Amino acid sequence: MPAELAVLVPTRGRPGNIRKVISAWDFTNAWDVADLILLVDDDDPEIEGYQTLLSEFLEGCPPGAPSPLGILCYRTWLPMVHKLNEAAIHMATGSSHFALGFAGDDHLPQTIGWAQRYLTVLHELGSGMVFGDDGYQGGNLSTEWAVTADTVRALGRMVPAPVEHMYCDNAMVDLFTAAGALRYLPEVRIEHMHPIAGKAQTDEQYKRVNSREQFKKDRAAYEGWQRSGMLTDVATIRALRPGLPDVRPSRAAESKKRPGSMARSVTPRPRGNRMTRLPIPRHFKRVRGATPDEIGLTLADMATQVPKDQAIVELGVFQGRTALLMAWGARQGQGAHLWGIDAWNLPGNTYGPPFNELGSKTWAEYNVMALGYNSGITLVNTFAAEAARDWTGPPIGLLFVDDDHSKEGALAAVELWAPHLAPGAVIALDDYGHPDWPGVREAVDELVAEGFLAPVEIFHDRLAVTALRVAPDPDTELSIETPEQSAAIVDANLQAAGSEGLTAITSEGVEPLPIKGGTVPNGPPEGWIQDADGWIDPASMNLGQLRALAKKRGIVLGKRKDLRADIIQALRDGK
């Protein structure tokens, strides 16, 4: 009986790996229902090793019987995905296989009957995709997979995104999840013997395909497909499934069944000084970080509450540990995307090694990719102030500040990002009260005293959590007795109104102005400055508003442009 499944394995320079794959197929009885097709290059220095393997295998086959092990040769080297797509469409149109699979030459099946299980579920789906637990990514990413052959014929390729190597698994999961045609099978274990999982040594092939240039090139291709090609491909797959119910993997729930899976649920908790007892995902422990686990898990809890149409922003990424924890929480919450901002090795970074080293940036990029979060995290190599000025993303629901720990740096971070915050957004600052970084506490306390921020809650003795101060309830009657009380209410109104609410008292300075049921009886409080349209309290303005006002008044700030207190004094002095 012909095999229903053909698994395509691109390989180069590793005939020794294929020997291990063949042994694993022997052990798991895969040959009963599956063929193994090696995709090799004629210019591979190890080509004779593959030919020897095939000859040895054929010696054990009955005379005249078709061999379940085959080799497709390419005249010269091709990128993995190009090779895979070409072979897949060849097999889908020129063979009788019901399903086609992909695996690397470093994937070793461990579950007896795995190939039959794949076929059983694919027949249940009718048209779709399945993948198993690779012992590292679990249900988060399909580092190997199998699809029904009709999807390859319909798409004209196996991997939908025009990548060369990286992000092919992300594209497969994106496509078949959106089409409602994906099943994750945690009971099937196909071990990924990859260096990042500590199960193999890095060789020239790993170095080439894991290079920064390859990541950059493939990421651009993947994201371009997401923007312009994914919807068409989703429609193509859905058209193969008329009348069939959507099938989507419940990865968080299913992955808990096996210890090798990564995702675990984050249970949202009420805000408060809580001690999170959930275990850190096992593979996150390999990511180097400077923030304690209890802080990371508290941030993950907060990330679960951020709506999908809002952003999570982290200032200060290092090698990505807290970014990954927040993205992990968001994935199990409402799906918000995270942006990680870090200057890393840019000139002017005030942090010392290892925070300002190129290696930390490379590790952050690699950790995000290797742990399956490149579709949920965007890393930006720039200073926080520049990123705030250039921000074009959605409103921010959670801002985590953990970069410049000087007072000026912490003040600038909050003030520059404040205009981009969504209503009710959470602001979290690490190292509040840390004896080595007094500037963080000084900045936060100053902003609270000024009424710019709400009073803080302290988590685990170091994480200060606050928000922009909310204006008083408009239905509440207030009796304003003193200029100080007046300033506090005006400050709240200014914060609520933004740049359009700068005028609080008439330019004459004596006409009472009703504010939330009260009046200002004694003119402008001390420290306010007069503008053409009225009186303004510069202490109530964020850094962007202060800069705009200085520019309007012809004040050249120079080195003072990021120093809030100096700008305020310049406005009061008029120079």
Protein backbone atom coordinates (compact mmCIF):
# COMPACT_ATOMS: atom_id res chain seq x y z
CA MET A 1 0.00 0.00 0.00
CA PRO A 2 1.53 3.37 -1.01
CA ALA A 3 2.54 5.71 1.79
CA GLU A 4 0.11 8.57 2.41
CA LEU A 5 2.65 10.94 3.94
CA ALA A 6 5.93 12.19 2.47
CA VAL A 7 8.20 14.16 4.81
CA LEU A 8 10.64 16.51 3.08
CA VAL A 9 13.97 17.09 4.85
CA PRO A 10 16.31 19.74 3.40
CA THR A 11 19.87 18.91 4.46
CA ARG A 12 23.42 19.92 3.68
CA GLY A 13 26.70 18.69 5.10
CA ARG A 14 25.06 16.41 7.66
CA PRO A 15 24.74 12.80 6.50
CA GLY A 16 25.48 11.82 10.10
CA ASN A 17 22.29 13.57 11.20
CA ILE A 18 20.29 11.63 8.62
CA ARG A 19 21.55 8.34 10.05
CA LYS A 20 20.02 9.38 13.37
CA VAL A 21 16.77 10.38 11.63
CA ILE A 22 16.55 6.98 9.92
CA SER A 23 17.10 5.22 13.25
CA ALA A 24 14.37 7.32 14.86
CA TRP A 25 11.98 6.45 12.03
CA ASP A 26 12.83 2.77 12.52
CA PHE A 27 12.04 3.00 16.23
CA THR A 28 8.72 4.85 15.77
CA ASN A 29 7.39 2.67 12.89
CA ALA A 30 7.11 5.70 10.62
CA TRP A 31 8.00 3.70 7.48
CA ASP A 32 4.62 1.94 7.69
CA VAL A 33 2.78 5.02 6.42
CA ALA A 34 5.42 7.62 5.46
CA ASP A 35 8.20 8.23 2.98
CA LEU A 36 11.32 10.25 3.82
CA ILE A 37 12.57 12.49 1.01
CA LEU A 38 15.97 14.15 1.42
CA LEU A 39 16.56 17.45 -0.40
CA VAL A 40 20.29 17.74 -1.11
CA ASP A 41 22.64 19.77 -3.32
CA ASP A 42 24.93 18.32 -5.98
CA ASP A 43 27.63 20.74 -4.85
CA ASP A 44 27.44 19.58 -1.23
CA PRO A 45 30.93 18.40 -0.15
CA GLU A 46 29.16 15.59 1.74
CA ILE A 47 27.02 14.43 -1.20
CA GLU A 48 28.72 11.02 -1.28
CA GLY A 49 27.71 10.45 2.33
CA TYR A 50 24.03 10.80 1.38
CA GLN A 51 24.47 8.48 -1.59
CA THR A 52 26.09 5.89 0.68
CA LEU A 53 23.16 6.14 3.09
CA LEU A 54 20.67 5.54 0.30
CA SER A 55 22.64 2.55 -1.02
CA GLU A 56 22.78 1.00 2.45
CA PHE A 57 19.07 1.55 2.93
CA LEU A 58 18.17 -0.01 -0.43
CA GLU A 59 20.11 -3.15 0.49
CA GLY A 60 17.54 -3.80 3.18
CA CYS A 61 14.50 -3.29 0.93
CA PRO A 62 12.77 -6.19 -0.88
CA PRO A 63 13.89 -6.47 -4.53
CA GLY A 64 11.68 -4.41 -6.85
CA ALA A 65 9.80 -2.75 -4.01
CA PRO A 66 9.63 1.08 -4.00
CA SER A 67 12.01 2.64 -1.49
CA PRO A 68 10.44 4.77 1.29
CA LEU A 69 13.73 6.71 1.42
CA GLY A 70 14.43 8.96 -1.54
CA ILE A 71 16.71 11.82 -2.55
CA LEU A 72 15.88 14.88 -4.63
CA CYS A 73 19.07 16.57 -5.87
CA TYR A 74 19.48 20.23 -6.76
CA ARG A 75 22.23 21.25 -9.15
CA THR A 76 23.49 23.99 -6.84
CA TRP A 77 22.66 25.22 -3.37
CA LEU A 78 19.27 26.84 -2.81
CA PRO A 79 17.92 28.47 0.38
CA MET A 80 15.98 26.00 2.49
CA VAL A 81 12.48 27.39 1.87
CA HIS A 82 13.03 27.73 -1.88
CA LYS A 83 14.14 24.12 -1.99
CA LEU A 84 11.24 23.02 0.20
CA ASN A 85 8.61 24.83 -1.86
CA GLU A 86 9.95 23.48 -5.14
CA ALA A 87 9.99 19.91 -3.82
CA ALA A 88 6.55 20.26 -2.21
CA ILE A 89 4.80 21.40 -5.38
CA HIS A 90 6.63 18.66 -7.32
CA MET A 91 5.39 16.02 -4.86
CA ALA A 92 1.89 17.49 -4.57
CA THR A 93 1.34 17.40 -8.33
CA GLY A 94 3.39 14.34 -9.26
CA SER A 95 2.68 11.80 -6.52
CA SER A 96 -0.30 10.23 -4.78
CA HIS A 97 0.61 11.31 -1.26
CA PHE A 98 -2.32 12.63 0.74
CA ALA A 99 -0.08 14.76 2.98
CA LEU A 100 3.34 16.38 2.84
CA GLY A 101 5.51 17.13 5.84
CA PHE A 102 8.59 19.15 6.65
CA ALA A 103 11.29 18.45 9.21
CA GLY A 104 14.89 19.53 9.65
CA ASP A 105 17.75 17.09 9.65
CA ASP A 106 17.89 17.77 13.40
CA HIS A 107 14.33 16.56 14.17
CA LEU A 108 14.19 13.10 15.78
CA PRO A 109 10.73 11.48 16.26
CA GLN A 110 10.25 9.84 19.66
CA THR A 111 6.57 8.90 19.71
CA ILE A 112 5.77 5.47 18.27
CA GLY A 113 3.05 5.83 15.65
CA TRP A 114 3.53 9.58 15.24
CA ALA A 115 3.18 9.47 11.44
CA GLN A 116 -0.10 7.56 11.65
CA ARG A 117 -1.37 10.05 14.23
CA TYR A 118 -0.55 12.93 11.87
CA LEU A 119 -2.48 11.25 9.06
CA THR A 120 -5.47 10.45 11.27
CA VAL A 121 -5.86 14.06 12.33
CA LEU A 122 -5.25 15.42 8.82
CA HIS A 123 -8.02 13.17 7.50
CA GLU A 124 -10.28 14.56 10.25
CA LEU A 125 -9.39 18.11 9.20
CA GLY A 126 -9.97 17.38 5.51
CA SER A 127 -7.62 20.21 4.60
CA GLY A 128 -5.17 21.70 7.07
CA MET A 129 -1.99 21.40 9.09
CA VAL A 130 -0.74 19.54 12.18
CA PHE A 131 2.44 19.77 14.25
CA GLY A 132 3.80 18.16 17.38
CA ASP A 133 5.82 19.04 20.47
CA ASP A 134 9.48 19.57 19.58
CA GLY A 135 10.60 19.55 23.21
CA TYR A 136 11.45 23.25 23.07
CA GLN A 137 8.83 25.46 21.46
CA GLY A 138 5.91 23.20 22.38
CA GLY A 139 2.65 24.58 21.05
CA ASN A 140 4.04 28.04 20.37
CA LEU A 141 5.80 27.34 17.09
CA SER A 142 5.75 24.59 14.47
CA THR A 143 9.43 23.87 13.89
CA GLU A 144 8.20 20.80 11.95
CA TRP A 145 4.77 20.10 10.46
CA ALA A 146 2.59 18.21 8.01
CA VAL A 147 -0.10 19.59 5.70
CA THR A 148 -2.62 18.06 3.34
CA ALA A 149 -1.28 18.09 -0.20
CA ASP A 150 -4.29 20.03 -1.51
CA THR A 151 -3.12 23.12 0.41
CA VAL A 152 0.22 23.01 -1.43
CA ARG A 153 -1.52 22.68 -4.79
CA ALA A 154 -3.90 25.54 -3.96
CA LEU A 155 -1.16 27.90 -2.76
CA GLY A 156 1.40 26.81 -5.35
CA ARG A 157 3.95 26.37 -2.53
CA MET A 158 4.21 24.97 0.97
CA VAL A 159 5.55 27.96 2.94
CA PRO A 160 3.36 30.99 2.17
CA ALA A 161 5.78 33.82 3.06
CA PRO A 162 8.64 34.53 0.58
CA VAL A 163 11.37 33.91 3.18
CA GLU A 164 14.58 31.94 2.72
CA HIS A 165 14.91 30.23 6.08
CA MET A 166 13.79 32.11 9.20
CA TYR A 167 10.12 32.86 9.98
CA CYS A 168 8.84 30.03 7.79
CA ASP A 169 7.31 28.34 10.86
CA ASN A 170 5.72 31.60 12.00
CA ALA A 171 4.11 32.03 8.62
CA MET A 172 2.73 28.48 8.66
CA VAL A 173 1.16 28.94 12.10
CA ASP A 174 -0.20 32.38 11.15
CA LEU A 175 -1.79 31.08 7.95
CA PHE A 176 -3.41 27.89 9.21
CA THR A 177 -4.53 29.43 12.50
CA ALA A 178 -6.26 32.28 10.68
CA ALA A 179 -7.83 29.77 8.28
CA GLY A 180 -9.18 27.70 11.18
CA ALA A 181 -7.30 24.61 9.98
CA LEU A 182 -4.53 23.96 12.52
CA ARG A 183 -4.12 21.27 15.17
CA TYR A 184 -1.29 21.09 17.69
CA LEU A 185 -0.70 17.53 18.91
CA PRO A 186 1.15 17.63 22.26
CA GLU A 187 1.03 13.83 22.46
CA VAL A 188 3.41 13.63 19.48
CA ARG A 189 7.03 14.29 20.45
CA ILE A 190 9.50 15.09 17.66
CA GLU A 191 12.62 16.32 19.40
CA HIS A 192 14.35 19.34 17.86
CA MET A 193 18.07 18.76 18.41
CA HIS A 194 19.01 22.42 17.95
CA PRO A 195 21.97 24.30 19.49
CA ILE A 196 19.68 26.93 21.05
CA ALA A 197 18.05 24.12 23.02
CA GLY A 198 21.49 22.90 24.10
CA LYS A 199 21.10 19.65 22.13
CA ALA A 200 23.68 20.12 19.37
CA GLN A 201 26.88 21.94 18.52
CA THR A 202 26.82 24.96 16.23
CA ASP A 203 28.28 24.29 12.78
CA GLU A 204 28.72 26.36 9.63
CA GLN A 205 25.15 25.73 8.47
CA TYR A 206 23.68 26.95 11.77
CA LYS A 207 25.94 30.00 11.70
CA ARG A 208 24.89 30.90 8.17
CA VAL A 209 21.14 30.59 8.62
CA ASN A 210 21.11 32.16 12.09
CA SER A 211 23.10 35.21 11.03
CA ARG A 212 21.83 38.68 11.72
CA GLU A 213 21.64 39.39 7.98
CA GLN A 214 19.43 36.34 7.43
CA PHE A 215 17.13 37.36 10.28
CA LYS A 216 16.81 40.89 8.93
CA LYS A 217 16.15 39.80 5.35
CA ASP A 218 13.60 37.12 6.27
CA ARG A 219 11.85 39.28 8.82
CA ALA A 220 11.21 41.95 6.19
CA ALA A 221 9.84 39.32 3.81
CA TYR A 222 7.66 37.76 6.52
CA GLU A 223 6.21 41.08 7.67
CA GLY A 224 5.60 42.13 4.07
CA TRP A 225 3.61 38.92 3.52
CA GLN A 226 1.61 39.58 6.68
CA ARG A 227 0.65 43.00 5.35
CA SER A 228 -0.06 42.22 1.72
CA GLY A 229 -0.36 38.48 1.06
CA MET A 230 -1.66 36.71 4.13
CA LEU A 231 -5.35 37.53 3.69
CA THR A 232 -5.35 36.12 0.15
CA ASP A 233 -3.64 32.94 1.31
CA VAL A 234 -6.06 32.55 4.22
CA ALA A 235 -8.97 32.84 1.78
CA THR A 236 -7.34 30.16 -0.41
CA ILE A 237 -7.13 27.69 2.48
CA ARG A 238 -10.63 28.46 3.74
CA ALA A 239 -11.99 27.81 0.25
CA LEU A 240 -10.75 24.22 0.60
CA ARG A 241 -12.89 23.75 3.72
CA PRO A 242 -16.49 24.64 2.78
CA GLY A 243 -18.87 23.64 5.54
CA LEU A 244 -16.12 22.42 7.87
CA PRO A 245 -15.83 23.89 11.39
CA ASP A 246 -12.85 26.01 12.31
CA VAL A 247 -10.12 24.20 14.22
CA ARG A 248 -7.63 26.27 16.19
CA PRO A 249 -5.02 25.03 18.67
CA SER A 250 -5.64 25.88 22.31
CA ARG A 251 -1.94 26.07 22.93
CA ALA A 252 -1.91 27.34 26.49
CA ALA A 253 -4.27 24.62 27.68
CA GLU A 254 -2.80 21.77 25.67
CA SER A 255 0.82 22.56 26.35
CA LYS A 256 0.34 22.12 30.08
CA LYS A 257 -0.19 18.40 29.46
CA ARG A 258 3.50 17.91 28.71
CA PRO A 259 6.48 19.18 30.66
CA GLY A 260 8.37 19.95 27.45
CA SER A 261 5.93 22.65 26.38
CA MET A 262 6.65 26.29 27.02
CA ALA A 263 3.33 28.14 27.33
CA ARG A 264 1.56 28.28 30.65
CA SER A 265 -1.48 30.31 31.55
CA VAL A 266 -1.22 33.58 33.43
CA THR A 267 -4.25 34.06 35.65
CA PRO A 268 -5.17 37.78 35.74
CA ARG A 269 -5.30 39.07 39.31
CA PRO A 270 -6.73 42.24 40.82
CA ARG A 271 -4.19 45.01 41.06
CA GLY A 272 -2.43 45.21 44.38
CA ASN A 273 0.83 44.28 46.04
CA ARG A 274 0.58 40.66 45.02
CA MET A 275 3.15 37.88 45.09
CA THR A 276 2.85 35.90 41.87
CA ARG A 277 3.50 32.20 42.40
CA LEU A 278 3.29 31.00 38.80
CA PRO A 279 6.51 29.35 37.64
CA ILE A 280 8.64 31.15 35.09
CA PRO A 281 8.30 29.30 31.74
CA ARG A 282 11.12 26.78 31.74
CA HIS A 283 12.91 28.01 28.63
CA PHE A 284 12.74 31.66 29.70
CA LYS A 285 15.17 30.80 32.49
CA ARG A 286 17.92 30.55 29.91
CA VAL A 287 17.45 34.19 28.95
CA ARG A 288 19.81 36.48 30.84
CA GLY A 289 18.08 39.26 32.76
CA ALA A 290 18.62 41.79 35.54
CA THR A 291 15.06 41.86 36.88
CA PRO A 292 13.85 39.38 39.54
CA ASP A 293 11.34 36.75 38.46
CA GLU A 294 8.61 38.09 40.75
CA ILE A 295 8.81 41.48 39.00
CA GLY A 296 8.67 39.83 35.58
CA LEU A 297 5.62 37.79 36.53
CA THR A 298 3.86 40.84 37.96
CA LEU A 299 4.46 42.61 34.65
CA ALA A 300 3.16 39.53 32.82
CA ASP A 301 -0.02 39.74 34.89
CA MET A 302 -0.41 43.39 33.92
CA ALA A 303 0.19 42.56 30.26
CA THR A 304 -2.78 40.18 30.26
CA GLN A 305 -5.05 43.19 30.80
CA VAL A 306 -3.81 45.30 27.86
CA PRO A 307 -6.36 45.29 24.99
CA LYS A 308 -5.25 44.00 21.60
CA ASP A 309 -5.61 47.45 20.02
CA GLN A 310 -3.18 48.96 22.53
CA ALA A 311 0.58 48.58 22.83
CA ILE A 312 2.97 47.46 25.54
CA VAL A 313 6.22 49.43 25.57
CA GLU A 314 9.38 48.47 27.47
CA LEU A 315 12.18 50.99 27.82
CA GLY A 316 15.36 49.02 28.50
CA VAL A 317 15.42 45.50 27.03
CA PHE A 318 18.93 44.09 27.75
CA GLN A 319 18.66 40.49 26.45
CA GLY A 320 14.85 40.34 26.39
CA ARG A 321 13.76 38.49 29.53
CA THR A 322 11.09 40.91 30.81
CA ALA A 323 9.98 41.65 27.25
CA LEU A 324 9.38 37.94 26.71
CA LEU A 325 7.52 37.61 30.02
CA MET A 326 5.20 40.51 29.16
CA ALA A 327 4.62 39.16 25.65
CA TRP A 328 3.91 35.75 27.22
CA GLY A 329 1.29 37.38 29.44
CA ALA A 330 -0.18 39.35 26.54
CA ARG A 331 -0.44 36.20 24.42
CA GLN A 332 -2.56 34.57 27.11
CA GLY A 333 -4.52 37.74 27.78
CA GLN A 334 -5.85 39.92 24.99
CA GLY A 335 -2.97 39.72 22.51
CA ALA A 336 -1.36 43.17 22.75
CA HIS A 337 1.88 43.67 20.82
CA LEU A 338 5.07 44.69 22.66
CA TRP A 339 7.71 47.17 21.52
CA GLY A 340 11.10 46.90 23.24
CA ILE A 341 13.22 50.07 23.09
CA ASP A 342 16.94 49.93 23.94
CA ALA A 343 20.02 51.94 22.95
CA TRP A 344 22.26 48.88 23.44
CA ASN A 345 25.65 49.76 21.90
CA LEU A 346 24.73 53.18 20.49
CA PRO A 347 27.15 56.01 21.37
CA GLY A 348 25.88 57.89 24.39
CA ASN A 349 24.39 54.91 26.22
CA THR A 350 25.23 55.63 29.87
CA TYR A 351 25.00 52.00 30.99
CA GLY A 352 28.16 49.94 31.21
CA PRO A 353 28.85 46.38 30.09
CA PRO A 354 27.09 44.08 29.41
CA PHE A 355 24.09 46.38 28.85
CA ASN A 356 25.76 48.52 26.20
CA GLU A 357 27.35 45.67 24.26
CA LEU A 358 26.41 44.56 20.75
CA GLY A 359 26.24 41.00 22.05
CA SER A 360 23.30 41.85 24.30
CA LYS A 361 21.36 43.23 21.34
CA THR A 362 22.15 40.11 19.31
CA TRP A 363 21.03 37.88 22.17
CA ALA A 364 17.78 39.83 22.57
CA GLU A 365 16.98 39.39 18.88
CA TYR A 366 17.89 35.73 19.00
CA ASN A 367 15.91 35.02 22.19
CA VAL A 368 12.78 36.62 20.74
CA MET A 369 13.10 34.53 17.59
CA ALA A 370 14.13 31.26 19.20
CA LEU A 371 11.32 31.31 21.76
CA GLY A 372 8.66 32.00 19.14
CA TYR A 373 7.77 35.61 19.95
CA ASN A 374 8.95 37.46 16.84
CA SER A 375 5.32 38.05 15.85
CA GLY A 376 4.52 39.51 19.29
CA ILE A 377 7.62 41.63 19.98
CA THR A 378 9.23 44.41 17.95
CA LEU A 379 12.73 45.44 19.06
CA VAL A 380 13.87 48.99 18.30
CA ASN A 381 17.53 50.02 18.65
CA THR A 382 17.32 53.67 19.67
CA PHE A 383 17.12 55.91 22.70
CA ALA A 384 13.79 56.13 24.53
CA ALA A 385 13.46 59.86 23.90
CA GLU A 386 13.93 59.46 20.15
CA ALA A 387 11.49 56.55 20.04
CA ALA A 388 8.87 58.67 21.82
CA ARG A 389 9.28 61.54 19.39
CA ASP A 390 8.94 59.15 16.42
CA TRP A 391 6.16 56.97 17.88
CA THR A 392 3.46 56.03 15.34
CA GLY A 393 2.14 52.92 17.08
CA PRO A 394 -1.20 52.43 18.81
CA PRO A 395 -2.06 53.99 22.19
CA ILE A 396 0.01 52.43 24.95
CA GLY A 397 -1.76 50.46 27.65
CA LEU A 398 1.35 49.43 29.66
CA LEU A 399 4.61 51.40 29.84
CA PHE A 400 7.51 49.70 31.65
CA VAL A 401 10.43 52.07 32.36
CA ASP A 402 13.74 50.34 33.07
CA ASP A 403 16.42 52.22 31.13
CA ASP A 404 18.07 55.49 32.21
CA HIS A 405 17.96 55.41 36.04
CA SER A 406 19.03 59.00 36.57
CA LYS A 407 16.42 61.44 37.82
CA GLU A 408 16.51 63.33 34.53
CA GLY A 409 16.24 60.12 32.53
CA ALA A 410 13.26 58.81 34.49
CA LEU A 411 11.48 62.18 34.28
CA ALA A 412 12.06 62.38 30.53
CA ALA A 413 10.84 58.80 29.99
CA VAL A 414 7.51 59.41 31.69
CA GLU A 415 6.94 62.88 30.26
CA LEU A 416 7.88 62.07 26.69
CA TRP A 417 5.77 58.92 26.54
CA ALA A 418 2.78 60.40 28.41
CA PRO A 419 1.12 61.81 25.24
CA HIS A 420 1.06 58.31 23.75
CA LEU A 421 -0.65 56.60 26.70
CA ALA A 422 -4.17 55.25 26.42
CA PRO A 423 -6.74 56.35 29.01
CA GLY A 424 -6.14 54.40 32.19
CA ALA A 425 -2.73 53.14 31.04
CA VAL A 426 -0.42 51.56 33.63
CA ILE A 427 3.05 53.02 34.14
CA ALA A 428 5.56 50.75 35.89
CA LEU A 429 9.08 51.84 36.88
CA ASP A 430 11.68 49.39 38.16
CA ASP A 431 14.24 50.04 40.93
CA TYR A 432 12.10 52.57 42.80
CA GLY A 433 13.86 52.97 46.15
CA HIS A 434 16.95 51.01 45.07
CA PRO A 435 19.94 52.51 46.96
CA ASP A 436 22.11 52.45 43.83
CA TRP A 437 19.55 54.35 41.77
CA PRO A 438 18.03 57.14 43.88
CA GLY A 439 17.11 59.11 40.78
CA VAL A 440 14.18 56.83 39.95
CA ARG A 441 12.47 57.48 43.27
CA GLU A 442 13.26 61.20 43.14
CA ALA A 443 11.71 61.50 39.67
CA VAL A 444 8.58 59.53 40.55
CA ASP A 445 8.03 61.37 43.83
CA GLU A 446 8.45 64.71 42.08
CA LEU A 447 5.90 63.83 39.39
CA VAL A 448 3.46 62.60 42.03
CA ALA A 449 3.94 65.77 44.10
CA GLU A 450 3.31 67.89 41.02
CA GLY A 451 0.12 65.97 40.35
CA PHE A 452 1.40 64.65 37.03
CA LEU A 453 1.23 61.04 38.27
CA ALA A 454 -1.17 59.28 40.58
CA PRO A 455 0.19 57.99 43.93
CA VAL A 456 2.26 54.86 43.40
CA GLU A 457 1.76 51.27 44.49
CA ILE A 458 4.95 49.39 45.29
CA PHE A 459 5.26 45.74 44.19
CA HIS A 460 7.92 43.45 45.66
CA ASP A 461 9.69 46.40 47.30
CA ARG A 462 10.98 47.89 44.04
CA LEU A 463 8.41 48.14 41.21
CA ALA A 464 6.52 51.45 41.32
CA VAL A 465 3.16 51.25 39.54
CA THR A 466 1.18 54.38 38.78
CA ALA A 467 -0.78 56.17 36.05
CA LEU A 468 -1.33 59.65 34.71
CA ARG A 469 -3.49 61.51 37.20
CA VAL A 470 -7.16 61.45 36.24
CA ALA A 471 -9.14 64.71 36.31
CA PRO A 472 -11.76 64.99 39.08
CA ASP A 473 -15.27 63.72 38.45
CA PRO A 474 -17.15 66.52 36.62
CA ASP A 475 -20.22 65.82 38.74
CA THR A 476 -18.35 66.54 41.97
CA GLU A 477 -18.71 70.05 43.44
CA LEU A 478 -15.43 71.49 44.70
CA SER A 479 -14.98 74.51 46.88
CA ILE A 480 -11.62 76.08 46.06
CA GLU A 481 -10.24 78.09 48.95
CA THR A 482 -6.59 78.78 48.13
CA PRO A 483 -4.35 79.32 45.10
CA GLU A 484 -2.66 76.00 45.87
CA GLN A 485 -5.98 74.14 45.72
CA SER A 486 -6.84 76.04 42.54
CA ALA A 487 -3.54 75.01 40.94
CA ALA A 488 -4.18 71.35 41.78
CA ILE A 489 -7.58 71.36 40.09
CA VAL A 490 -6.30 73.31 37.08
CA ASP A 491 -3.42 70.84 36.83
CA ALA A 492 -5.89 67.95 36.65
CA ASN A 493 -7.92 69.72 34.00
CA LEU A 494 -4.83 70.44 31.95
CA GLN A 495 -3.80 66.81 32.07
CA ALA A 496 -7.26 65.72 30.92
CA ALA A 497 -7.44 68.35 28.19
CA GLY A 498 -3.93 67.92 26.80
CA SER A 499 -2.36 70.63 24.65
CA GLU A 500 -5.75 72.18 23.90
CA GLY A 501 -6.40 72.96 27.58
CA LEU A 502 -3.43 75.18 28.40
CA THR A 503 -5.35 78.33 29.19
CA ALA A 504 -6.62 78.16 32.74
CA ILE A 505 -7.00 81.81 33.80
CA THR A 506 -7.90 84.83 31.68
CA SER A 507 -5.05 87.04 30.56
CA GLU A 508 -6.22 89.84 32.85
CA GLY A 509 -5.50 87.52 35.77
CA VAL A 510 -8.42 88.77 37.94
CA GLU A 511 -11.57 87.48 36.26
CA PRO A 512 -12.88 84.42 38.18
CA LEU A 513 -12.92 81.27 36.08
CA PRO A 514 -15.35 78.46 37.04
CA ILE A 515 -13.49 75.16 37.44
CA LYS A 516 -15.42 72.04 38.40
CA GLY A 517 -17.89 73.99 40.50
CA GLY A 518 -15.36 76.33 42.14
CA THR A 519 -13.64 79.57 41.19
CA VAL A 520 -10.12 80.99 41.16
CA PRO A 521 -10.40 84.06 43.36
CA ASN A 522 -6.85 85.36 43.73
CA GLY A 523 -5.18 85.44 40.30
CA PRO A 524 -2.49 83.07 39.03
CA PRO A 525 -0.54 81.02 41.58
CA GLU A 526 3.18 81.53 41.97
CA GLY A 527 5.33 80.12 39.20
CA TRP A 528 2.76 80.43 36.41
CA ILE A 529 3.71 82.30 33.22
CA GLN A 530 1.58 84.51 31.02
CA ASP A 531 0.85 83.51 27.45
CA ALA A 532 -0.96 85.47 24.74
CA ASP A 533 -4.18 83.66 25.53
CA GLY A 534 -3.92 83.33 29.31
CA TRP A 535 -1.86 81.99 32.22
CA ILE A 536 -0.06 78.66 32.09
CA ASP A 537 1.47 76.48 34.79
CA PRO A 538 4.58 75.00 33.09
CA ALA A 539 4.90 72.39 35.86
CA SER A 540 1.69 70.76 34.59
CA MET A 541 3.00 70.33 31.05
CA ASN A 542 4.80 67.30 29.62
CA LEU A 543 8.20 67.55 27.98
CA GLY A 544 6.78 67.76 24.46
CA GLN A 545 4.45 70.62 25.40
CA LEU A 546 7.30 72.46 27.13
CA ARG A 547 9.51 72.15 24.06
CA ALA A 548 6.70 73.39 21.80
CA LEU A 549 6.09 76.39 24.05
CA ALA A 550 9.81 77.22 24.17
CA LYS A 551 9.98 77.09 20.40
CA LYS A 552 6.91 79.35 20.15
CA ARG A 553 8.65 81.87 22.42
CA GLY A 554 11.90 81.72 20.46
CA ILE A 555 13.88 80.12 23.29
CA VAL A 556 16.79 77.99 22.06
CA LEU A 557 17.09 75.06 24.45
CA GLY A 558 20.24 73.37 23.15
CA LYS A 559 21.49 70.90 25.74
CA ARG A 560 18.49 71.70 27.94
CA LYS A 561 16.01 70.06 25.54
CA ASP A 562 15.75 66.86 27.61
CA LEU A 563 15.93 68.53 31.04
CA ARG A 564 12.42 69.34 32.19
CA ALA A 565 13.37 71.54 35.15
CA ASP A 566 15.76 73.62 33.02
CA ILE A 567 13.10 74.15 30.33
CA ILE A 568 10.58 75.29 32.95
CA GLN A 569 13.11 77.76 34.37
CA ALA A 570 13.95 78.99 30.86
CA LEU A 571 10.26 79.65 30.19
CA ARG A 572 9.89 81.52 33.47
CA ASP A 573 13.05 83.56 32.76
CA GLY A 574 12.11 84.09 29.13
CA LYS A 575 15.50 82.93 27.83
